[in-house]
Amino acid sequence: MGAARALLRWRPEDLAKAASVSVLTVNAVEAQKGPLPQTATTRALADAVAAAGVLLFGEGPVDGGLGVRLIAKPSATIDVNEAETVQYREFLENDAPPGVGG
């Protein structure tokens, strides 16, 4: 849980507020080693970091065991406005010799 909090740049107080638990609870959960037990408290903490864009994963399809990964929020969008795309002339001209792929 500490790694997830670090990815978000949250203090224990921020996670406690987002999960509606106490700071002491956050500290106690972060002090645990290994997989977290499946409780209402750990689910609230996991839901809070997931809502903020962090994926928690355990043993299974992800190699390497327990971990966290920063993911895009479902509300994130990619700006594809071509009218505002910057094109630099030197990248538009082919300056490679004939026969060179790329």
N, C-alpha and C. Protein backbone atom coordinates (compact mmCIF):
# COMPACT_ATOMS: atom_id res chain seq x y z
N MET A 1 0.83 -1.19 0.00
CA MET A 1 0.00 0.00 0.00
C MET A 1 0.88 1.25 0.00
N GLY A 2 2.03 1.16 0.64
CA GLY A 2 2.94 2.31 0.66
C GLY A 2 3.46 2.65 -0.72
N ALA A 3 3.70 1.62 -1.55
CA ALA A 3 4.17 1.87 -2.91
C ALA A 3 3.09 2.54 -3.75
N ALA A 4 1.85 2.13 -3.57
CA ALA A 4 0.74 2.76 -4.28
C ALA A 4 0.60 4.22 -3.87
N ARG A 5 0.75 4.45 -2.58
CA ARG A 5 0.66 5.82 -2.07
C ARG A 5 1.79 6.67 -2.62
N ALA A 6 2.98 6.08 -2.73
CA ALA A 6 4.14 6.82 -3.25
C ALA A 6 3.93 7.19 -4.72
N LEU A 7 3.35 6.29 -5.51
CA LEU A 7 3.08 6.60 -6.91
C LEU A 7 2.15 7.80 -7.06
N LEU A 8 1.22 7.91 -6.13
CA LEU A 8 0.25 9.01 -6.16
C LEU A 8 0.78 10.27 -5.49
N ARG A 9 1.94 10.14 -4.83
CA ARG A 9 2.51 11.25 -4.05
C ARG A 9 1.55 11.69 -2.95
N TRP A 10 0.95 10.70 -2.32
CA TRP A 10 0.02 10.93 -1.22
C TRP A 10 0.73 10.72 0.11
N ARG A 11 0.35 11.51 1.09
CA ARG A 11 0.77 11.28 2.47
C ARG A 11 -0.20 10.26 3.06
N PRO A 12 0.15 9.64 4.19
CA PRO A 12 -0.80 8.71 4.82
C PRO A 12 -2.16 9.38 5.08
N GLU A 13 -2.11 10.66 5.41
CA GLU A 13 -3.36 11.40 5.66
C GLU A 13 -4.24 11.46 4.41
N ASP A 14 -3.62 11.59 3.24
CA ASP A 14 -4.39 11.66 1.99
C ASP A 14 -5.09 10.33 1.71
N LEU A 15 -4.37 9.23 1.89
CA LEU A 15 -4.97 7.91 1.67
C LEU A 15 -6.06 7.65 2.70
N ALA A 16 -5.81 8.01 3.94
CA ALA A 16 -6.82 7.81 4.99
C ALA A 16 -8.11 8.55 4.64
N LYS A 17 -7.97 9.77 4.18
CA LYS A 17 -9.15 10.56 3.82
C LYS A 17 -9.87 9.94 2.63
N ALA A 18 -9.12 9.53 1.61
CA ALA A 18 -9.73 8.96 0.40
C ALA A 18 -10.46 7.64 0.70
N ALA A 19 -9.94 6.87 1.66
CA ALA A 19 -10.53 5.58 1.99
C ALA A 19 -11.49 5.63 3.19
N SER A 20 -11.62 6.80 3.79
CA SER A 20 -12.48 6.98 4.97
C SER A 20 -12.06 6.06 6.11
N VAL A 21 -10.74 6.02 6.36
CA VAL A 21 -10.20 5.27 7.50
C VAL A 21 -9.27 6.20 8.26
N SER A 22 -8.75 5.72 9.39
CA SER A 22 -7.84 6.55 10.17
C SER A 22 -6.41 6.43 9.64
N VAL A 23 -5.59 7.41 9.99
CA VAL A 23 -4.17 7.38 9.63
C VAL A 23 -3.49 6.20 10.31
N LEU A 24 -3.90 5.89 11.54
CA LEU A 24 -3.34 4.72 12.25
C LEU A 24 -3.63 3.43 11.47
N THR A 25 -4.79 3.33 10.87
CA THR A 25 -5.14 2.15 10.07
C THR A 25 -4.24 2.06 8.85
N VAL A 26 -4.02 3.18 8.16
CA VAL A 26 -3.13 3.20 6.99
C VAL A 26 -1.74 2.73 7.40
N ASN A 27 -1.22 3.27 8.50
CA ASN A 27 0.11 2.89 8.97
C ASN A 27 0.18 1.40 9.33
N ALA A 28 -0.87 0.88 9.95
CA ALA A 28 -0.89 -0.54 10.34
C ALA A 28 -0.92 -1.44 9.11
N VAL A 29 -1.71 -1.08 8.12
CA VAL A 29 -1.78 -1.88 6.89
C VAL A 29 -0.44 -1.84 6.16
N GLU A 30 0.17 -0.66 6.09
CA GLU A 30 1.45 -0.54 5.40
C GLU A 30 2.58 -1.28 6.12
N ALA A 31 2.44 -1.52 7.40
CA ALA A 31 3.47 -2.23 8.17
C ALA A 31 3.40 -3.74 7.95
N GLN A 32 2.30 -4.23 7.40
CA GLN A 32 2.14 -5.67 7.17
C GLN A 32 3.04 -6.12 6.02
N LYS A 33 3.58 -7.32 6.13
CA LYS A 33 4.42 -7.92 5.09
C LYS A 33 3.58 -8.88 4.26
N GLY A 34 3.87 -8.96 2.98
CA GLY A 34 3.21 -9.92 2.11
C GLY A 34 1.83 -9.46 1.67
N PRO A 35 1.06 -10.40 1.13
CA PRO A 35 -0.29 -10.06 0.65
C PRO A 35 -1.18 -9.54 1.77
N LEU A 36 -2.01 -8.58 1.46
CA LEU A 36 -2.92 -8.03 2.45
C LEU A 36 -4.11 -8.96 2.64
N PRO A 37 -4.60 -9.09 3.87
CA PRO A 37 -5.79 -9.90 4.08
C PRO A 37 -7.01 -9.23 3.42
N GLN A 38 -7.94 -10.04 3.01
CA GLN A 38 -9.14 -9.52 2.38
C GLN A 38 -10.14 -9.08 3.46
N THR A 39 -10.11 -7.78 3.78
CA THR A 39 -11.02 -7.23 4.78
C THR A 39 -11.70 -6.00 4.17
N ALA A 40 -12.72 -5.51 4.84
CA ALA A 40 -13.40 -4.31 4.37
C ALA A 40 -12.44 -3.11 4.34
N THR A 41 -11.53 -3.07 5.30
CA THR A 41 -10.57 -1.96 5.38
C THR A 41 -9.59 -1.99 4.22
N THR A 42 -9.02 -3.17 3.97
CA THR A 42 -8.06 -3.25 2.85
C THR A 42 -8.76 -3.03 1.52
N ARG A 43 -10.02 -3.45 1.40
CA ARG A 43 -10.78 -3.21 0.17
C ARG A 43 -11.01 -1.72 0.00
N ALA A 44 -11.31 -0.99 1.07
CA ALA A 44 -11.52 0.46 0.99
C ALA A 44 -10.24 1.16 0.56
N LEU A 45 -9.09 0.72 1.10
CA LEU A 45 -7.82 1.31 0.72
C LEU A 45 -7.50 1.01 -0.75
N ALA A 46 -7.71 -0.24 -1.17
CA ALA A 46 -7.44 -0.62 -2.56
C ALA A 46 -8.35 0.13 -3.52
N ASP A 47 -9.62 0.29 -3.14
CA ASP A 47 -10.56 1.04 -3.98
C ASP A 47 -10.15 2.50 -4.10
N ALA A 48 -9.64 3.07 -3.02
CA ALA A 48 -9.23 4.48 -3.03
C ALA A 48 -8.05 4.70 -3.97
N VAL A 49 -7.04 3.82 -3.92
CA VAL A 49 -5.89 4.01 -4.81
C VAL A 49 -6.25 3.66 -6.24
N ALA A 50 -7.15 2.70 -6.44
CA ALA A 50 -7.60 2.36 -7.79
C ALA A 50 -8.35 3.52 -8.43
N ALA A 51 -9.20 4.18 -7.64
CA ALA A 51 -9.93 5.33 -8.15
C ALA A 51 -9.00 6.48 -8.53
N ALA A 52 -7.83 6.52 -7.88
CA ALA A 52 -6.85 7.56 -8.18
C ALA A 52 -5.91 7.17 -9.31
N GLY A 53 -6.01 5.93 -9.81
CA GLY A 53 -5.22 5.53 -10.96
C GLY A 53 -4.08 4.57 -10.70
N VAL A 54 -4.14 3.79 -9.60
CA VAL A 54 -3.08 2.82 -9.31
C VAL A 54 -3.69 1.43 -9.26
N LEU A 55 -3.06 0.50 -9.96
CA LEU A 55 -3.49 -0.90 -9.97
C LEU A 55 -2.63 -1.68 -8.98
N LEU A 56 -3.27 -2.39 -8.07
CA LEU A 56 -2.58 -3.29 -7.14
C LEU A 56 -2.71 -4.69 -7.71
N PHE A 57 -1.62 -5.46 -7.72
CA PHE A 57 -1.74 -6.82 -8.19
C PHE A 57 -0.93 -7.75 -7.29
N GLY A 58 -1.40 -8.98 -7.22
CA GLY A 58 -0.75 -9.99 -6.39
C GLY A 58 -0.19 -11.09 -7.26
N GLU A 59 -0.11 -12.27 -6.72
CA GLU A 59 0.38 -13.42 -7.48
C GLU A 59 -0.61 -13.70 -8.61
N GLY A 60 -0.10 -14.21 -9.69
CA GLY A 60 -0.99 -14.56 -10.79
C GLY A 60 -0.40 -14.21 -12.13
N PRO A 61 -1.19 -13.58 -12.99
CA PRO A 61 -0.74 -13.37 -14.37
C PRO A 61 0.41 -12.38 -14.52
N VAL A 62 0.69 -11.59 -13.51
CA VAL A 62 1.77 -10.61 -13.60
C VAL A 62 3.04 -11.22 -13.05
N ASP A 63 4.09 -11.25 -13.86
CA ASP A 63 5.37 -11.82 -13.41
C ASP A 63 5.97 -10.96 -12.30
N GLY A 64 6.63 -11.58 -11.38
CA GLY A 64 7.34 -10.84 -10.35
C GLY A 64 6.64 -10.75 -9.03
N GLY A 65 5.44 -11.27 -8.91
CA GLY A 65 4.75 -11.25 -7.62
C GLY A 65 3.99 -9.97 -7.34
N LEU A 66 3.91 -9.63 -6.07
CA LEU A 66 3.13 -8.48 -5.62
C LEU A 66 3.69 -7.19 -6.20
N GLY A 67 2.82 -6.23 -6.47
CA GLY A 67 3.30 -4.94 -6.96
C GLY A 67 2.19 -3.95 -7.22
N VAL A 68 2.59 -2.81 -7.75
CA VAL A 68 1.65 -1.75 -8.09
C VAL A 68 2.03 -1.22 -9.47
N ARG A 69 1.07 -0.65 -10.14
CA ARG A 69 1.32 -0.04 -11.44
C ARG A 69 0.43 1.17 -11.59
N LEU A 70 1.01 2.27 -12.06
CA LEU A 70 0.25 3.47 -12.33
C LEU A 70 -0.48 3.27 -13.64
N ILE A 71 -1.78 3.48 -13.64
CA ILE A 71 -2.58 3.31 -14.85
C ILE A 71 -3.30 4.61 -15.16
N ALA A 72 -3.76 4.73 -16.38
CA ALA A 72 -4.52 5.92 -16.75
C ALA A 72 -5.89 5.84 -16.11
N LYS A 73 -6.36 6.96 -15.67
CA LYS A 73 -7.71 7.01 -15.12
C LYS A 73 -8.71 6.78 -16.25
N PRO A 74 -9.85 6.17 -15.97
CA PRO A 74 -10.84 5.96 -17.02
C PRO A 74 -11.30 7.26 -17.67
N SER A 75 -11.18 8.37 -16.96
CA SER A 75 -11.63 9.64 -17.51
C SER A 75 -10.55 10.33 -18.34
N ALA A 76 -9.34 9.74 -18.39
CA ALA A 76 -8.25 10.35 -19.14
C ALA A 76 -8.54 10.30 -20.63
N THR A 77 -8.16 11.35 -21.33
CA THR A 77 -8.36 11.40 -22.77
C THR A 77 -7.04 11.78 -23.44
N ILE A 78 -6.95 11.45 -24.69
CA ILE A 78 -5.78 11.82 -25.48
C ILE A 78 -6.19 12.93 -26.42
N ASP A 79 -5.40 13.99 -26.46
CA ASP A 79 -5.69 15.12 -27.34
C ASP A 79 -5.26 14.77 -28.75
N VAL A 80 -6.21 14.71 -29.67
CA VAL A 80 -5.91 14.36 -31.05
C VAL A 80 -6.28 15.49 -32.01
N ASN A 81 -6.25 16.72 -31.53
CA ASN A 81 -6.58 17.86 -32.36
C ASN A 81 -5.43 18.10 -33.35
N GLU A 82 -5.62 17.68 -34.62
CA GLU A 82 -4.57 17.79 -35.62
C GLU A 82 -4.26 19.23 -35.99
N ALA A 83 -5.18 20.14 -35.75
CA ALA A 83 -4.94 21.55 -36.07
C ALA A 83 -3.86 22.13 -35.16
N GLU A 84 -3.65 21.51 -34.00
CA GLU A 84 -2.67 22.01 -33.05
C GLU A 84 -1.39 21.17 -33.02
N THR A 85 -1.31 20.17 -33.90
CA THR A 85 -0.12 19.31 -33.95
C THR A 85 1.04 20.08 -34.54
N VAL A 86 2.18 20.00 -33.89
CA VAL A 86 3.37 20.70 -34.35
C VAL A 86 4.16 19.76 -35.25
N GLN A 87 4.45 20.21 -36.47
CA GLN A 87 5.25 19.43 -37.41
C GLN A 87 6.54 20.20 -37.68
N TYR A 88 7.66 19.57 -37.48
CA TYR A 88 8.94 20.19 -37.76
C TYR A 88 9.43 19.74 -39.13
N ARG A 89 9.83 20.70 -39.97
CA ARG A 89 10.21 20.42 -41.35
C ARG A 89 11.29 19.35 -41.45
N GLU A 90 12.27 19.39 -40.55
CA GLU A 90 13.38 18.43 -40.64
C GLU A 90 12.94 16.99 -40.40
N PHE A 91 11.79 16.79 -39.77
CA PHE A 91 11.30 15.44 -39.57
C PHE A 91 10.41 14.98 -40.72
N LEU A 92 10.00 15.90 -41.57
CA LEU A 92 9.15 15.54 -42.71
C LEU A 92 9.95 15.16 -43.93
N GLU A 93 11.19 15.60 -44.03
CA GLU A 93 12.03 15.32 -45.18
C GLU A 93 12.80 14.02 -44.96
N ASN A 94 12.86 13.20 -46.01
CA ASN A 94 13.61 11.95 -45.92
C ASN A 94 15.06 12.25 -46.25
N ASP A 95 15.94 12.21 -45.28
CA ASP A 95 17.35 12.51 -45.52
C ASP A 95 18.21 11.24 -45.48
N ALA A 96 17.56 10.08 -45.46
CA ALA A 96 18.29 8.81 -45.46
C ALA A 96 18.66 8.43 -46.90
N PRO A 97 19.78 7.75 -47.07
CA PRO A 97 20.16 7.31 -48.41
C PRO A 97 19.17 6.29 -48.95
N PRO A 98 19.06 6.16 -50.28
CA PRO A 98 18.13 5.18 -50.87
C PRO A 98 18.43 3.77 -50.38
N GLY A 99 17.38 3.02 -50.14
CA GLY A 99 17.53 1.65 -49.70
C GLY A 99 17.55 1.46 -48.19
N VAL A 100 17.61 2.54 -47.45
CA VAL A 100 17.62 2.45 -45.99
C VAL A 100 16.17 2.47 -45.52
N GLY A 101 15.81 1.48 -44.75
CA GLY A 101 14.44 1.41 -44.25
C GLY A 101 14.25 2.35 -43.06
N GLY A 102 13.04 2.45 -42.62
CA GLY A 102 12.84 3.26 -41.43
C GLY A 102 11.56 3.87 -41.31
